[in-house]
Amino acid sequence: MSLSLSLYTIGFIGFVLNRKHILLALLSIELMLLSVTLLILFGSLNFSDITGIGIGIFSIVIAGAETAILRLNMYCRTDALSVVRSQEKTKRLS
């Protein structure tokens, strides 16, 4: 429980401090979601409940799909999967 609480705190602080950088803010939100998923998994293992494991796996799959969609969107806009290359291309276009 202390692990998920510390991960959530780090994610929350990262989100509050990095509002201007969208990638860092999204990474902080993902860290907060991961900590909640970890808490659900630990709780389900503690009570021997399979529903919590299913919810945990489902939320991990949804987070992976969200990351893939963001990467695809970035690739379609800039033709680059690297964040550095996409920033360089957008600077050249401006």
Foldseek 3Di string as FASTA:
>chain_A
DVVLVVQLVVLVVQLVVPVPDVVSVLVSVVSNLLSVLVVLVVVCVVVVHCVSVVVSVVSVVVSVVVVVVVQVVLCVVQVDSDPVNSVVRVVVVD
